[in-house]
């Protein structure tokens, strides 16, 4: 059974770009998106940016002239 996301995604692509789903492989690719989205949702809240600035940003901060 095809995930719910396929038909609305096909319609959105058609409306935005005028492109119809060209073949079964493209439709299968859209169906794979449901699994990818679910995997990304599992990662929500576990990924964070660096706690410390990168070395380049840190060097810029250290070279910054004090405000007058």
N, C-alpha and C. Protein backbone atom coordinates (compact mmCIF):
# COMPACT_ATOMS: atom_id res chain seq x y z
N UNK A 1 0.84 -1.19 0.00
CA UNK A 1 0.00 0.00 0.00
C UNK A 1 0.88 1.24 0.00
N UNK A 2 0.46 2.22 -0.74
CA UNK A 2 1.22 3.46 -0.91
C UNK A 2 0.99 4.41 0.26
N UNK A 3 2.05 5.07 0.77
CA UNK A 3 1.88 6.03 1.87
C UNK A 3 1.00 7.21 1.46
N UNK A 4 0.37 7.84 2.44
CA UNK A 4 -0.53 8.97 2.19
C UNK A 4 0.17 10.15 1.52
N UNK A 5 1.47 10.27 1.71
CA UNK A 5 2.20 11.44 1.23
C UNK A 5 2.32 11.49 -0.30
N UNK A 6 2.17 10.35 -0.97
CA UNK A 6 2.45 10.27 -2.40
C UNK A 6 1.50 11.15 -3.24
N UNK A 7 0.21 10.96 -3.12
CA UNK A 7 -0.73 11.72 -3.96
C UNK A 7 -0.66 13.23 -3.72
N UNK A 8 -0.65 13.70 -2.46
CA UNK A 8 -0.54 15.15 -2.27
C UNK A 8 0.79 15.72 -2.79
N UNK A 9 1.85 14.93 -2.68
CA UNK A 9 3.14 15.39 -3.18
C UNK A 9 3.14 15.47 -4.70
N UNK A 10 2.56 14.48 -5.34
CA UNK A 10 2.44 14.51 -6.80
C UNK A 10 1.64 15.73 -7.25
N UNK A 11 0.56 16.01 -6.54
CA UNK A 11 -0.28 17.16 -6.89
C UNK A 11 0.47 18.47 -6.67
N UNK A 12 1.22 18.55 -5.58
CA UNK A 12 1.98 19.77 -5.30
C UNK A 12 3.05 20.00 -6.37
N UNK A 13 3.72 18.95 -6.77
CA UNK A 13 4.73 19.06 -7.83
C UNK A 13 4.08 19.51 -9.14
N UNK A 14 2.95 18.92 -9.46
CA UNK A 14 2.24 19.29 -10.69
C UNK A 14 1.82 20.75 -10.68
N UNK A 15 1.31 21.20 -9.53
CA UNK A 15 0.85 22.60 -9.44
C UNK A 15 2.01 23.59 -9.50
N UNK A 16 3.10 23.28 -8.81
CA UNK A 16 4.23 24.22 -8.73
C UNK A 16 5.06 24.24 -10.00
N UNK A 17 5.25 23.07 -10.60
CA UNK A 17 6.18 23.03 -11.74
C UNK A 17 5.54 22.57 -13.04
N UNK A 18 4.31 22.08 -12.98
CA UNK A 18 3.66 21.60 -14.19
C UNK A 18 4.18 20.25 -14.64
N UNK A 19 4.89 19.54 -13.79
CA UNK A 19 5.47 18.25 -14.14
C UNK A 19 4.61 17.13 -13.57
N UNK A 20 4.23 16.21 -14.43
CA UNK A 20 3.49 15.03 -14.00
C UNK A 20 4.48 13.96 -13.58
N UNK A 21 4.05 13.08 -12.71
CA UNK A 21 4.88 11.94 -12.30
C UNK A 21 5.18 11.11 -13.56
N UNK A 22 6.45 10.99 -13.95
CA UNK A 22 6.75 10.40 -15.25
C UNK A 22 6.61 8.88 -15.34
N UNK A 23 6.81 8.17 -14.21
CA UNK A 23 6.76 6.71 -14.29
C UNK A 23 6.63 6.09 -12.90
N UNK A 24 6.56 4.77 -12.86
CA UNK A 24 6.39 4.05 -11.59
C UNK A 24 7.60 4.25 -10.67
N UNK A 25 8.79 4.35 -11.25
CA UNK A 25 9.99 4.54 -10.43
C UNK A 25 9.93 5.88 -9.69
N UNK A 26 9.43 6.92 -10.35
CA UNK A 26 9.30 8.23 -9.70
C UNK A 26 8.28 8.16 -8.57
N UNK A 27 7.21 7.47 -8.82
CA UNK A 27 6.18 7.32 -7.79
C UNK A 27 6.71 6.53 -6.59
N UNK A 28 7.50 5.51 -6.86
CA UNK A 28 8.13 4.72 -5.80
C UNK A 28 9.10 5.59 -5.00
N UNK A 29 9.81 6.49 -5.70
CA UNK A 29 10.71 7.41 -5.02
C UNK A 29 9.96 8.32 -4.06
N UNK A 30 8.79 8.79 -4.47
CA UNK A 30 7.96 9.60 -3.58
C UNK A 30 7.50 8.79 -2.38
N UNK A 31 7.19 7.53 -2.59
CA UNK A 31 6.76 6.67 -1.50
C UNK A 31 7.89 6.49 -0.49
N UNK A 32 9.13 6.45 -0.97
CA UNK A 32 10.28 6.33 -0.07
C UNK A 32 10.45 7.55 0.83
N UNK A 33 9.90 8.67 0.40
CA UNK A 33 10.02 9.91 1.19
C UNK A 33 9.34 9.76 2.56
N UNK A 34 8.29 9.00 2.63
CA UNK A 34 7.58 8.81 3.90
C UNK A 34 8.52 8.20 4.93
N UNK A 35 9.29 7.19 4.53
CA UNK A 35 10.25 6.57 5.44
C UNK A 35 11.36 7.52 5.83
N UNK A 36 11.83 8.30 4.86
CA UNK A 36 12.89 9.27 5.14
C UNK A 36 12.42 10.33 6.13
N UNK A 37 11.21 10.82 5.94
CA UNK A 37 10.65 11.81 6.86
C UNK A 37 10.50 11.22 8.25
N UNK A 38 10.04 9.98 8.34
CA UNK A 38 9.89 9.32 9.65
C UNK A 38 11.25 9.17 10.33
N UNK A 39 12.28 8.81 9.56
CA UNK A 39 13.62 8.68 10.13
C UNK A 39 14.14 10.03 10.64
N UNK A 40 13.88 11.08 9.89
CA UNK A 40 14.33 12.41 10.32
C UNK A 40 13.58 12.87 11.57
N UNK A 41 12.30 12.55 11.66
CA UNK A 41 11.53 12.92 12.84
C UNK A 41 12.07 12.24 14.09
N UNK A 42 12.58 11.02 13.95
CA UNK A 42 13.18 10.31 15.09
C UNK A 42 14.42 11.03 15.61
N UNK A 43 15.11 11.75 14.72
CA UNK A 43 16.33 12.46 15.11
C UNK A 43 16.05 13.83 15.74
N UNK A 44 14.81 14.29 15.62
CA UNK A 44 14.46 15.61 16.15
C UNK A 44 14.83 15.71 17.63
N UNK A 45 15.54 16.75 17.98
CA UNK A 45 15.94 16.98 19.35
C UNK A 45 17.25 16.31 19.74
N UNK A 46 17.79 15.46 18.88
CA UNK A 46 19.04 14.79 19.21
C UNK A 46 20.24 15.43 18.54
N UNK A 47 20.00 16.23 17.53
CA UNK A 47 21.09 16.87 16.80
C UNK A 47 21.20 18.33 17.25
N UNK A 48 22.41 18.77 17.56
CA UNK A 48 22.62 20.14 17.99
C UNK A 48 23.83 20.71 17.27
N UNK A 49 23.88 22.02 17.19
CA UNK A 49 25.05 22.67 16.63
C UNK A 49 26.17 22.61 17.64
N UNK A 50 27.35 22.97 17.19
CA UNK A 50 28.51 22.97 18.08
C UNK A 50 28.23 23.85 19.30
N UNK A 51 28.70 23.43 20.46
CA UNK A 51 28.55 24.25 21.65
C UNK A 51 29.57 25.39 21.65
N UNK A 52 30.71 25.16 21.02
CA UNK A 52 31.74 26.19 20.93
C UNK A 52 31.82 26.68 19.49
N UNK A 53 32.19 27.95 19.30
CA UNK A 53 32.29 28.45 17.93
C UNK A 53 33.45 27.77 17.20
N UNK A 54 33.35 27.72 15.88
CA UNK A 54 34.44 27.14 15.10
C UNK A 54 35.69 27.99 15.27
N UNK A 55 36.83 27.45 14.96
CA UNK A 55 38.10 28.15 15.17
C UNK A 55 38.15 29.46 14.38
N UNK A 56 37.59 29.48 13.17
CA UNK A 56 37.60 30.71 12.38
C UNK A 56 36.76 31.79 13.05
N UNK A 57 35.57 31.41 13.49
CA UNK A 57 34.70 32.38 14.16
C UNK A 57 35.35 32.88 15.45
N UNK A 58 35.98 31.98 16.19
CA UNK A 58 36.66 32.35 17.43
C UNK A 58 37.78 33.34 17.13
N UNK A 59 38.56 33.10 16.09
CA UNK A 59 39.65 34.01 15.71
C UNK A 59 39.09 35.38 15.36
N UNK A 60 37.97 35.43 14.66
CA UNK A 60 37.37 36.72 14.33
C UNK A 60 36.95 37.47 15.58
N UNK A 61 36.36 36.76 16.52
CA UNK A 61 35.95 37.39 17.77
C UNK A 61 37.15 37.94 18.55
N UNK A 62 38.24 37.19 18.57
CA UNK A 62 39.41 37.62 19.32
C UNK A 62 40.08 38.83 18.68
N UNK A 63 39.96 38.98 17.36
CA UNK A 63 40.59 40.11 16.66
C UNK A 63 39.68 41.34 16.62
N UNK A 64 38.47 41.22 17.05
CA UNK A 64 37.51 42.32 16.99
C UNK A 64 37.97 43.45 17.90
N UNK A 65 37.91 44.65 17.34
CA UNK A 65 38.28 45.83 18.15
C UNK A 65 37.17 46.13 19.14
N UNK A 66 37.56 46.55 20.34
CA UNK A 66 36.54 46.88 21.34
C UNK A 66 35.72 48.11 20.89
N UNK A 67 34.47 48.14 21.29
CA UNK A 67 33.59 49.26 20.96
C UNK A 67 34.06 50.50 21.70
N UNK A 68 33.92 51.64 21.08
CA UNK A 68 34.35 52.91 21.71
C UNK A 68 33.20 53.56 22.41
